[in-house]
C-alpha atoms as a PDB file:
ATOM      1  CA  MET A   1      -0.120   0.275  -0.059  1.00  0.00           C
ATOM      2  CA  THR A   2       1.392   3.605  -0.947  1.00  0.00           C
ATOM      3  CA  GLN A   3       2.444   5.489   1.577  1.00  0.00           C
ATOM      4  CA  GLY A   4      -0.418   8.181   3.391  1.00  0.00           C
ATOM      5  CA  THR A   5      -2.949   6.046   2.299  1.00  0.00           C
ATOM      6  CA  PRO A   6      -5.252   5.236   5.215  1.00  0.00           C
ATOM      7  CA  VAL A   7      -5.453   1.663   6.204  1.00  0.00           C
ATOM      8  CA  VAL A   8      -8.391  -0.584   5.450  1.00  0.00           C
ATOM      9  CA  ASP A   9     -10.248  -2.382   8.184  1.00  0.00           C
ATOM     10  CA  ASP A  10      -9.852  -6.134   8.230  1.00  0.00           C
ATOM     11  CA  ASP A  11     -13.348  -6.478   6.107  1.00  0.00           C
ATOM     12  CA  PRO A  12     -14.213  -3.262   4.250  1.00  0.00           C
ATOM     13  CA  THR A  13     -17.084  -2.866   2.405  1.00  0.00           C
ATOM     14  CA  PRO A  14     -16.542  -4.111  -1.510  1.00  0.00           C
ATOM     15  CA  LEU A  15     -17.013  -0.499  -2.840  1.00  0.00           C
ATOM     16  CA  ALA A  16     -14.205   0.246  -0.056  1.00  0.00           C
ATOM     17  CA  GLN A  17     -11.643  -2.561  -0.717  1.00  0.00           C
ATOM     18  CA  ILE A  18     -11.861  -0.731  -4.965  1.00  0.00           C
ATOM     19  CA  LEU A  19     -11.117   2.486  -3.794  1.00  0.00           C
ATOM     20  CA  ALA A  20      -8.282   1.367  -1.817  1.00  0.00           C
ATOM     21  CA  ASP A  21      -6.899  -0.952  -4.488  1.00  0.00           C
ATOM     22  CA  PHE A  22      -6.793   2.832  -6.633  1.00  0.00           C
ATOM     23  CA  GLY A  23      -4.799   4.231  -3.740  1.00  0.00           C
ATOM     24  CA  VAL A  24      -7.812   7.028  -2.891  1.00  0.00           C
ATOM     25  CA  PRO A  25      -7.376   8.550   0.497  1.00  0.00           C
ATOM     26  CA  TYR A  26      -9.649   7.743   3.131  1.00  0.00           C
ATOM     27  CA  ALA A  27     -10.991   4.723   0.976  1.00  0.00           C
ATOM     28  CA  ASP A  28     -12.789   3.321   3.774  1.00  0.00           C
ATOM     29  CA  SER A  29     -14.799   6.279   5.022  1.00  0.00           C
ATOM     30  CA  ILE A  30     -15.678   7.100   1.408  1.00  0.00           C
ATOM     31  CA  GLY A  31     -16.457   3.618   0.529  1.00  0.00           C
ATOM     32  CA  GLN A  32     -18.919   3.550   3.406  1.00  0.00           C
ATOM     33  CA  ALA A  33     -20.617   6.654   2.635  1.00  0.00           C
ATOM     34  CA  LEU A  34     -21.118   6.044  -0.912  1.00  0.00           C
ATOM     35  CA  THR A  35     -22.167   2.120  -0.225  1.00  0.00           C
ATOM     36  CA  PHE A  36     -24.643   3.881   2.350  1.00  0.00           C
ATOM     37  CA  VAL A  37     -26.207   6.049  -0.763  1.00  0.00           C
ATOM     38  CA  ALA A  38     -26.361   3.781  -2.972  1.00  0.00           C
ATOM     39  CA  VAL A  39     -28.106   1.153  -1.286  1.00  0.00           C
ATOM     40  CA  PHE A  40     -30.675   4.249   0.318  1.00  0.00           C
ATOM     41  CA  LEU A  41     -31.113   5.100  -3.193  1.00  0.00           C
ATOM     42  CA  ALA A  42     -31.828   1.746  -4.630  1.00  0.00           C
ATOM     43  CA  ILE A  43     -33.897   0.800  -1.771  1.00  0.00           C
ATOM     44  CA  TYR A  44     -36.018   4.464  -1.895  1.00  0.00           C
ATOM     45  CA  LEU A  45     -36.796   4.041  -5.926  1.00  0.00           C
ATOM     46  CA  PHE A  46     -37.718   0.925  -5.211  1.00  0.00           C
ATOM     47  CA  GLY A  47     -40.229   1.353  -2.626  1.00  0.00           C
ATOM     48  CA  ARG A  48     -41.812   4.488  -5.103  1.00  0.00           C
ATOM     49  CA  ALA A  49     -41.398   2.626  -8.228  1.00  0.00           C
ATOM     50  CA  VAL A  50     -43.013  -0.543  -6.733  1.00  0.00           C
ATOM     51  CA  ILE A  51     -44.116  -0.947  -2.968  1.00  0.00           C
ATOM     52  CA  LEU A  52     -46.529   2.339  -2.974  1.00  0.00           C
ATOM     53  CA  PRO A  53     -48.519   2.183  -6.368  1.00  0.00           C
ATOM     54  CA  VAL A  54     -49.434  -1.377  -4.826  1.00  0.00           C
ATOM     55  CA  VAL A  55     -50.343   0.040  -1.339  1.00  0.00           C
ATOM     56  CA  ASN A  56     -52.746   2.374  -3.330  1.00  0.00           C
ATOM     57  CA  ARG A  57     -54.330  -0.388  -5.336  1.00  0.00           C
ATOM     58  CA  ALA A  58     -54.942  -1.669  -2.421  1.00  0.00           C
ATOM     59  CA  LEU A  59     -56.610   1.265  -0.389  1.00  0.00           C
ATOM     60  CA  LYS A  60     -58.541   1.497  -4.001  1.00  0.00           C
ATOM     61  CA  ALA A  61     -59.671  -2.100  -3.839  1.00  0.00           C
ATOM     62  CA  ARG A  62     -60.709  -0.987   0.168  1.00  0.00           C
ATOM     63  CA  ASP A  63     -62.939   1.590  -1.609  1.00  0.00           C
ATOM     64  CA  LEU A  64     -61.253   4.459   0.621  1.00  0.00           C
ATOM     65  CA  ASP A  65     -61.717   8.354  -0.270  1.00  0.00           C
ATOM     66  CA  ALA A  66     -58.477  10.242  -1.905  1.00  0.00           C
ATOM     67  CA  HIS A  67     -58.012  12.004   1.372  1.00  0.00           C
ATOM     68  CA  ALA A  68     -58.384   9.302   3.253  1.00  0.00           C
ATOM     69  CA  ARG A  69     -55.615   7.442   1.256  1.00  0.00           C
ATOM     70  CA  LYS A  70     -53.463  10.535   1.386  1.00  0.00           C
ATOM     71  CA  PRO A  71     -51.910   9.485   5.478  1.00  0.00           C
ATOM     72  CA  LEU A  72     -51.604   6.233   4.484  1.00  0.00           C
ATOM     73  CA  LYS A  73     -49.762   6.640   1.914  1.00  0.00           C
ATOM     74  CA  LYS A  74     -47.497   8.907   3.754  1.00  0.00           C
ATOM     75  CA  ILE A  75     -46.925   6.192   6.477  1.00  0.00           C
ATOM     76  CA  VAL A  76     -45.825   3.335   4.091  1.00  0.00           C
ATOM     77  CA  SER A  77     -43.242   6.656   2.256  1.00  0.00           C
ATOM     78  CA  ILE A  78     -41.912   6.723   5.537  1.00  0.00           C
ATOM     79  CA  ALA A  79     -41.875   3.337   6.775  1.00  0.00           C
ATOM     80  CA  VAL A  80     -40.018   2.769   3.542  1.00  0.00           C
ATOM     81  CA  VAL A  81     -37.258   5.755   4.060  1.00  0.00           C
ATOM     82  CA  PHE A  82     -37.016   3.999   7.110  1.00  0.00           C
ATOM     83  CA  VAL A  83     -36.290   0.858   6.320  1.00  0.00           C
ATOM     84  CA  GLY A  84     -33.779   1.852   3.661  1.00  0.00           C
ATOM     85  CA  ILE A  85     -31.499   3.755   6.228  1.00  0.00           C
ATOM     86  CA  SER A  86     -31.853   0.939   8.424  1.00  0.00           C
ATOM     87  CA  VAL A  87     -30.230  -1.450   5.317  1.00  0.00           C
ATOM     88  CA  ALA A  88     -28.108   0.982   4.030  1.00  0.00           C
ATOM     89  CA  PHE A  89     -26.634   1.216   7.522  1.00  0.00           C
ATOM     90  CA  GLY A  90     -26.086  -2.368   7.758  1.00  0.00           C
ATOM     91  CA  ALA A  91     -24.645  -2.665   4.423  1.00  0.00           C
ATOM     92  CA  ALA A  92     -22.298   0.153   4.916  1.00  0.00           C
ATOM     93  CA  GLN A  93     -21.167  -1.411   8.285  1.00  0.00           C
ATOM     94  CA  PHE A  94     -22.521   0.913  10.901  1.00  0.00           C
ATOM     95  CA  GLY A  95     -23.798  -1.580  12.589  1.00  0.00           C
ATOM     96  CA  SER A  96     -22.340  -0.244  16.388  1.00  0.00           C
ATOM     97  CA  PHE A  97     -23.693   3.095  15.411  1.00  0.00           C
ATOM     98  CA  LEU A  98     -27.159   1.896  14.441  1.00  0.00           C
ATOM     99  CA  GLN A  99     -26.654   0.015  17.421  1.00  0.00           C
ATOM    100  CA  SER A 100     -26.414   3.266  19.393  1.00  0.00           C
ATOM    101  CA  LEU A 101     -29.164   4.757  17.501  1.00  0.00           C
ATOM    102  CA  ALA A 102     -31.391   2.076  18.031  1.00  0.00           C
ATOM    103  CA  THR A 103     -30.837   2.846  22.273  1.00  0.00           C
ATOM    104  CA  ILE A 104     -31.513   6.145  22.029  1.00  0.00           C
ATOM    105  CA  ALA A 105     -34.286   5.825  19.793  1.00  0.00           C
ATOM    106  CA  ALA A 106     -36.046   3.144  22.555  1.00  0.00           C
ATOM    107  CA  ALA A 107     -35.016   5.713  25.462  1.00  0.00           C
ATOM    108  CA  ALA A 108     -36.701   8.681  23.454  1.00  0.00           C
ATOM    109  CA  THR A 109     -39.667   6.675  22.306  1.00  0.00           C
ATOM    110  CA  LEU A 110     -40.141   6.326  26.097  1.00  0.00           C
ATOM    111  CA  ALA A 111     -40.145   9.419  26.875  1.00  0.00           C
ATOM    112  CA  ILE A 112     -42.140  10.917  23.761  1.00  0.00           C
ATOM    113  CA  GLY A 113     -44.781   8.288  24.807  1.00  0.00           C
ATOM    114  CA  PHE A 114     -45.666   9.485  28.250  1.00  0.00           C
ATOM    115  CA  ALA A 115     -45.643  13.247  26.513  1.00  0.00           C
ATOM    116  CA  MET A 116     -47.782  12.758  24.150  1.00  0.00           C
ATOM    117  CA  GLN A 117     -50.194   9.854  25.142  1.00  0.00           C
ATOM    118  CA  ASP A 118     -53.390  12.571  23.650  1.00  0.00           C
ATOM    119  CA  VAL A 119     -51.731  12.536  20.129  1.00  0.00           C
ATOM    120  CA  LEU A 120     -51.277   8.572  20.064  1.00  0.00           C
ATOM    121  CA  SER A 121     -54.785   7.909  21.330  1.00  0.00           C
ATOM    122  CA  ASN A 122     -55.774  10.441  18.318  1.00  0.00           C
ATOM    123  CA  PHE A 123     -53.766   8.956  15.727  1.00  0.00           C
ATOM    124  CA  VAL A 124     -54.779   5.299  17.163  1.00  0.00           C
ATOM    125  CA  ALA A 125     -58.150   6.808  16.781  1.00  0.00           C
ATOM    126  CA  GLY A 126     -57.869   7.984  13.661  1.00  0.00           C
ATOM    127  CA  ILE A 127     -56.762   4.568  12.741  1.00  0.00           C
ATOM    128  CA  PHE A 128     -59.674   3.149  13.275  1.00  0.00           C
ATOM    129  CA  ILE A 129     -61.689   5.775  11.094  1.00  0.00           C
ATOM    130  CA  PHE A 130     -59.696   4.856   8.469  1.00  0.00           C
ATOM    131  CA  THR A 131     -60.471   1.208   8.839  1.00  0.00           C
ATOM    132  CA  ASP A 132     -63.865   1.030  10.402  1.00  0.00           C
ATOM    133  CA  LYS A 133     -65.351   3.879   8.106  1.00  0.00           C
ATOM    134  CA  PRO A 134     -67.996   5.293  10.561  1.00  0.00           C
ATOM    135  CA  PHE A 135     -68.311   8.353   8.069  1.00  0.00           C
ATOM    136  CA  ARG A 136     -66.534   9.281   5.095  1.00  0.00           C
ATOM    137  CA  ILE A 137     -65.704  12.887   3.613  1.00  0.00           C
ATOM    138  CA  GLY A 138     -68.349  14.632   2.586  1.00  0.00           C
ATOM    139  CA  ASP A 139     -70.953  12.991   5.208  1.00  0.00           C
ATOM    140  CA  TRP A 140     -73.323  14.745   7.443  1.00  0.00           C
ATOM    141  CA  ILE A 141     -72.447  13.584  11.245  1.00  0.00           C
ATOM    142  CA  GLU A 142     -73.951  14.480  14.258  1.00  0.00           C
ATOM    143  CA  TRP A 143     -72.161  14.126  17.875  1.00  0.00           C
ATOM    144  CA  ASP A 144     -72.599  15.684  21.268  1.00  0.00           C
ATOM    145  CA  ASP A 145     -74.082  19.030  20.462  1.00  0.00           C
ATOM    146  CA  HIS A 146     -72.132  19.280  17.077  1.00  0.00           C
ATOM    147  CA  ALA A 147     -73.551  18.659  13.649  1.00  0.00           C
ATOM    148  CA  GLY A 148     -71.791  19.052  10.221  1.00  0.00           C
ATOM    149  CA  VAL A 149     -70.203  17.988   7.022  1.00  0.00           C
ATOM    150  CA  VAL A 150     -66.673  16.091   7.247  1.00  0.00           C
ATOM    151  CA  GLU A 151     -64.133  18.152   4.632  1.00  0.00           C
ATOM    152  CA  ASP A 152     -60.695  16.510   5.444  1.00  0.00           C
ATOM    153  CA  ILE A 153     -59.883  12.822   7.643  1.00  0.00           C
ATOM    154  CA  SER A 154     -56.363  12.611   8.981  1.00  0.00           C
ATOM    155  CA  LEU A 155     -54.759  10.433  11.701  1.00  0.00           C
ATOM    156  CA  ARG A 156     -54.736  13.001  14.321  1.00  0.00           C
ATOM    157  CA  VAL A 157     -57.790  15.453  13.616  1.00  0.00           C
ATOM    158  CA  THR A 158     -60.848  15.186  11.363  1.00  0.00           C
ATOM    159  CA  ARG A 159     -62.169  18.825   9.793  1.00  0.00           C
ATOM    160  CA  VAL A 160     -65.567  19.273   9.781  1.00  0.00           C
ATOM    161  CA  ARG A 161     -67.886  22.025   8.394  1.00  0.00           C
ATOM    162  CA  THR A 162     -70.552  23.110  10.375  1.00  0.00           C
ATOM    163  CA  PHE A 163     -74.232  24.754   9.157  1.00  0.00           C
ATOM    164  CA  ASP A 164     -72.947  27.763  10.285  1.00  0.00           C
ATOM    165  CA  ASN A 165     -70.177  27.526   7.357  1.00  0.00           C
ATOM    166  CA  GLU A 166     -67.627  27.247  11.086  1.00  0.00           C
ATOM    167  CA  LEU A 167     -64.767  24.984  10.183  1.00  0.00           C
ATOM    168  CA  LEU A 168     -64.270  22.592  13.263  1.00  0.00           C
ATOM    169  CA  THR A 169     -60.727  20.246  14.143  1.00  0.00           C
ATOM    170  CA  VAL A 170     -61.877  17.669  15.844  1.00  0.00           C
ATOM    171  CA  PRO A 171     -59.520  15.263  17.947  1.00  0.00           C
ATOM    172  CA  ASN A 172     -60.296  11.865  16.287  1.00  0.00           C
ATOM    173  CA  SER A 173     -60.050  10.522  19.649  1.00  0.00           C
ATOM    174  CA  GLN A 174     -63.832  12.465  20.378  1.00  0.00           C
ATOM    175  CA  LEU A 175     -65.459  10.897  17.769  1.00  0.00           C
ATOM    176  CA  THR A 176     -64.449   7.276  18.311  1.00  0.00           C
ATOM    177  CA  ASP A 177     -64.938   7.577  22.168  1.00  0.00           C
ATOM    178  CA  GLY A 178     -68.575   8.818  21.625  1.00  0.00           C
ATOM    179  CA  VAL A 179     -71.514   7.979  19.676  1.00  0.00           C
ATOM    180  CA  ILE A 180     -71.710   9.452  15.978  1.00  0.00           C
ATOM    181  CA  LYS A 181     -74.927  10.026  14.219  1.00  0.00           C
ATOM    182  CA  ASN A 182     -74.656   9.501  10.605  1.00  0.00           C
ATOM    183  CA  PRO A 183     -78.349  10.599   9.607  1.00  0.00           C
ATOM    184  CA  VAL A 184     -77.567   9.321   5.452  1.00  0.00           C
ATOM    185  CA  ALA A 185     -75.245   6.832   5.988  1.00  0.00           C
ATOM    186  CA  LYS A 186     -77.488   5.041   3.593  1.00  0.00           C
ATOM    187  CA  GLU A 187     -77.384   7.557   1.445  1.00  0.00           C
ATOM    188  CA  GLN A 188     -81.086   8.112   2.286  1.00  0.00           C
ATOM    189  CA  LEU A 189     -82.516  10.529   4.856  1.00  0.00           C
ATOM    190  CA  ARG A 190     -85.883   9.429   7.242  1.00  0.00           C
ATOM    191  CA  LEU A 191     -88.018  12.785   8.273  1.00  0.00           C
ATOM    192  CA  LYS A 192     -90.325  12.760  10.561  1.00  0.00           C
ATOM    193  CA  PHE A 193     -92.775  15.439  11.407  1.00  0.00           C
ATOM    194  CA  VAL A 194     -95.554  15.930  13.407  1.00  0.00           C
ATOM    195  CA  PHE A 195     -98.926  17.956  12.496  1.00  0.00           C
ATOM    196  CA  GLY A 196    -101.231  18.635  15.496  1.00  0.00           C
ATOM    197  CA  ILE A 197    -104.991  18.733  14.227  1.00  0.00           C
ATOM    198  CA  GLY A 198    -107.689  19.761  16.540  1.00  0.00           C
ATOM    199  CA  TYR A 199    -109.982  16.886  18.532  1.00  0.00           C
ATOM    200  CA  ASP A 200    -113.102  18.447  15.929  1.00  0.00           C
ATOM    201  CA  ASP A 201    -110.954  17.728  12.608  1.00  0.00           C
ATOM    202  CA  ASP A 202    -111.458  14.762  10.447  1.00  0.00           C
ATOM    203  CA  ILE A 203    -108.046  12.505  11.003  1.00  0.00           C
ATOM    204  CA  ASP A 204    -108.477  10.801   7.713  1.00  0.00           C
ATOM    205  CA  SER A 205    -108.961  14.115   5.348  1.00  0.00           C
ATOM    206  CA  ALA A 206    -105.568  15.392   7.199  1.00  0.00           C
ATOM    207  CA  THR A 207    -103.937  12.091   6.576  1.00  0.00           C
ATOM    208  CA  GLU A 208    -104.684  12.356   3.202  1.00  0.00           C
ATOM    209  CA  ILE A 209    -103.874  15.929   2.826  1.00  0.00           C
ATOM    210  CA  ILE A 210    -100.252  15.015   4.256  1.00  0.00           C
ATOM    211  CA  LEU A 211     -99.776  11.929   2.126  1.00  0.00           C
ATOM    212  CA  ASP A 212    -100.508  13.823  -1.369  1.00  0.00           C
ATOM    213  CA  GLU A 213     -98.170  16.415  -0.430  1.00  0.00           C
ATOM    214  CA  ALA A 214     -95.366  14.195   0.262  1.00  0.00           C
ATOM    215  CA  ASP A 215     -96.330  12.408  -3.264  1.00  0.00           C
ATOM    216  CA  GLU A 216     -96.349  16.338  -5.286  1.00  0.00           C
ATOM    217  CA  HIS A 217     -92.822  16.973  -3.976  1.00  0.00           C
ATOM    218  CA  GLU A 218     -89.960  15.662  -6.562  1.00  0.00           C
ATOM    219  CA  GLY A 219     -87.472  15.614  -3.332  1.00  0.00           C
ATOM    220  CA  ILE A 220     -89.459  13.135  -1.248  1.00  0.00           C
ATOM    221  CA  LEU A 221     -88.881   9.610  -2.544  1.00  0.00           C
ATOM    222  CA  ALA A 222     -91.901   7.231  -3.376  1.00  0.00           C
ATOM    223  CA  ASP A 223     -90.134   4.069  -2.372  1.00  0.00           C
ATOM    224  CA  PRO A 224     -89.564   3.912   0.513  1.00  0.00           C
ATOM    225  CA  GLU A 225     -93.099   5.247   0.696  1.00  0.00           C
ATOM    226  CA  PRO A 226     -94.482   8.157   3.058  1.00  0.00           C
ATOM    227  CA  SER A 227     -96.585   7.207   5.955  1.00  0.00           C
ATOM    228  CA  VAL A 228     -98.762   9.235   8.223  1.00  0.00           C
ATOM    229  CA  ARG A 229     -99.400   7.369  11.943  1.00  0.00           C
ATOM    230  CA  LEU A 230    -101.508   8.950  14.794  1.00  0.00           C
ATOM    231  CA  ILE A 231     -99.100   9.101  17.858  1.00  0.00           C
ATOM    232  CA  GLU A 232    -100.652  11.298  20.490  1.00  0.00           C
ATOM    233  CA  LEU A 233    -103.509  12.628  22.121  1.00  0.00           C
ATOM    234  CA  GLY A 234    -102.357  15.883  23.453  1.00  0.00           C
ATOM    235  CA  ASP A 235    -103.911  18.236  25.436  1.00  0.00           C
ATOM    236  CA  SER A 236    -105.487  20.507  22.888  1.00  0.00           C
ATOM    237  CA  SER A 237    -104.339  18.502  19.683  1.00  0.00           C
ATOM    238  CA  VAL A 238    -104.140  15.224  18.026  1.00  0.00           C
ATOM    239  CA  GLY A 239    -100.712  14.522  16.794  1.00  0.00           C
ATOM    240  CA  LEU A 240     -99.940  12.813  13.013  1.00  0.00           C
ATOM    241  CA  GLN A 241     -96.472  12.160  12.475  1.00  0.00           C
ATOM    242  CA  SER A 242     -95.351  11.828   8.673  1.00  0.00           C
ATOM    243  CA  ARG A 243     -92.765   9.886   8.045  1.00  0.00           C
ATOM    244  CA  ILE A 244     -90.833  10.709   4.711  1.00  0.00           C
ATOM    245  CA  TRP A 245     -87.312   9.705   2.499  1.00  0.00           C
ATOM    246  CA  ILE A 246     -85.201  12.003   1.128  1.00  0.00           C
ATOM    247  CA  ALA A 247     -82.285  10.114  -1.355  1.00  0.00           C
ATOM    248  CA  ASN A 248     -78.691  11.514   0.056  1.00  0.00           C
ATOM    249  CA  PRO A 249     -79.656  15.357   0.799  1.00  0.00           C
ATOM    250  CA  SER A 250     -77.159  17.798   2.322  1.00  0.00           C
ATOM    251  CA  ARG A 251     -78.233  19.271   5.054  1.00  0.00           C
ATOM    252  CA  ALA A 252     -79.286  22.724   3.176  1.00  0.00           C
ATOM    253  CA  ASP A 253     -81.293  20.402   0.693  1.00  0.00           C
ATOM    254  CA  PHE A 254     -82.961  18.579   4.142  1.00  0.00           C
ATOM    255  CA  VAL A 255     -83.874  22.036   5.555  1.00  0.00           C
ATOM    256  CA  LYS A 256     -85.276  23.283   2.126  1.00  0.00           C
ATOM    257  CA  ILE A 257     -87.243  20.217   1.266  1.00  0.00           C
ATOM    258  CA  ARG A 258     -88.448  19.890   5.011  1.00  0.00           C
ATOM    259  CA  GLY A 259     -89.801  23.643   5.047  1.00  0.00           C
ATOM    260  CA  GLU A 260     -91.642  23.508   1.285  1.00  0.00           C
ATOM    261  CA  TYR A 261     -93.152  20.481   2.493  1.00  0.00           C
ATOM    262  CA  VAL A 262     -94.741  21.655   6.413  1.00  0.00           C
ATOM    263  CA  LYS A 263     -95.368  24.846   4.185  1.00  0.00           C
ATOM    264  CA  ALA A 264     -97.566  23.109   1.559  1.00  0.00           C
ATOM    265  CA  VAL A 265     -99.547  20.575   4.394  1.00  0.00           C
ATOM    266  CA  LYS A 266     -99.942  23.758   6.189  1.00  0.00           C
ATOM    267  CA  GLN A 267    -101.973  25.887   3.384  1.00  0.00           C
ATOM    268  CA  ARG A 268    -103.693  22.731   2.487  1.00  0.00           C
ATOM    269  CA  PHE A 269    -105.198  22.338   6.099  1.00  0.00           C
ATOM    270  CA  ASP A 270    -105.807  26.232   5.876  1.00  0.00           C
ATOM    271  CA  GLU A 271    -107.926  25.422   2.620  1.00  0.00           C
ATOM    272  CA  ALA A 272    -109.741  23.066   4.032  1.00  0.00           C
ATOM    273  CA  GLY A 273    -110.331  24.135   7.292  1.00  0.00           C
ATOM    274  CA  ILE A 274    -108.126  21.911   9.538  1.00  0.00           C
ATOM    275  CA  ASP A 275    -107.146  23.743  12.456  1.00  0.00           C
ATOM    276  CA  ILE A 276    -103.769  23.626  13.873  1.00  0.00           C
ATOM    277  CA  PRO A 277    -104.610  24.796  17.384  1.00  0.00           C
ATOM    278  CA  TYR A 278    -102.632  26.333  19.821  1.00  0.00           C
ATOM    279  CA  PRO A 279    -101.853  24.528  22.943  1.00  0.00           C
ATOM    280  CA  ASN A 280    -103.852  25.761  25.953  1.00  0.00           C
ATOM    281  CA  ARG A 281    -102.671  26.581  29.285  1.00  0.00           C
ATOM    282  CA  THR A 282    -104.679  27.387  32.606  1.00  0.00           C
ATOM    283  CA  ILE A 283    -103.227  28.961  35.556  1.00  0.00           C
ATOM    284  CA  GLY A 284    -104.768  28.501  38.833  1.00  0.00           C
ATOM    285  CA  GLY A 285    -104.224  29.056  42.458  1.00  0.00           C
ATOM    286  CA  GLY A 286    -105.144  32.579  44.630  1.00  0.00           C
ATOM    287  CA  LEU A 287    -103.128  35.558  46.039  1.00  0.00           C
ATOM    288  CA  GLU A 288    -103.244  35.772  49.753  1.00  0.00           C
ATOM    289  CA  LEU A 289    -101.973  39.033  51.899  1.00  0.00           C
ATOM    290  CA  ALA A 290    -100.795  38.179  55.174  1.00  0.00           C
ATOM    291  CA  ASN A 291     -99.779  40.920  58.126  1.00  0.00           C
ATOM    292  CA  VAL A 292    -101.736  43.698  56.694  1.00  0.00           C
ATOM    293  CA  ASP A 293    -103.786  44.879  59.374  1.00  0.00           C
ATOM    294  CA  GLY A 294    -103.304  48.203  60.024  1.00  0.00           C
ATOM    295  CA  LEU A 295    -101.695  48.689  56.381  1.00  0.00           C
ATOM    296  CA  VAL A 296    -105.239  49.749  54.868  1.00  0.00           C
ATOM    297  CA  GLU A 297    -107.478  52.342  56.501  1.00  0.00           C
ATOM    298  CA  PRO A 298    -111.531  51.792  56.106  1.00  0.00           C
ATOM    299  CA  THR A 299    -112.845  54.446  53.716  1.00  0.00           C
ATOM    300  CA  ASP A 300    -115.106  56.929  55.715  1.00  0.00           C
ATOM    301  CA  ASP A 301    -118.943  56.314  54.104  1.00  0.00           C
ATOM    302  CA  ASP A 302    -119.814  59.367  56.533  1.00  0.00           C
END
């Protein structure tokens, strides 16, 4: 070996050995670095060209939305990078460094785990949302005292646009720990509305009007068929509950159709002389005055 050339380790990498044979200074270090880069790039490019497309096709086969696939694909990309670095460390004979890195990473993971319990719980909840699919982007959901349309789902939070046009960023754990109502999960919404009529009004005539107006409205489905049921005999009215179905509505469609339908029934009731009575309230009791002796002087009739 020529003078000034560093001594290569007993078991150098093939690339380091080639550089040493050509008398390249610091052949061992340069060979390890080039080996690391070459192996990492090979694995990374293979992952991008083969593994990611395969994962993407598998996610599409499960009928996941594009926004739902994005974070899962990101996790796969990170895994490819991690595997590439690990294999490249081994190929470049950085074994001792990799062991130290693993020890540091284990200690850091334990510390981060305690400090980020909420973040991790939201992350796990996000995975459950992707796998169980209780709702999807574009769905109208209701939970606790909130309601809105899902705009985005990530692995930590879900963004919901309320019907007042407010954007809520909701931790995923809040949507998996409680009860979520998805009114249009089956692409149809059943709407119930109670019409109160007077005791002297004809129930059959009122029922016919309610069904006729449901049949006339183009936004109300004929199948399932609209129905009317007598559900209550109130203090001042007879309650007729109308059940109608709307095809995959947004919140705006739902409010619009309900308003038009109720208005049409009310107009028909007015034309037919069917009364929608006001609730009656009777207040009873009396007023008693105590300890008023001497406060009021009798009038002098003389």
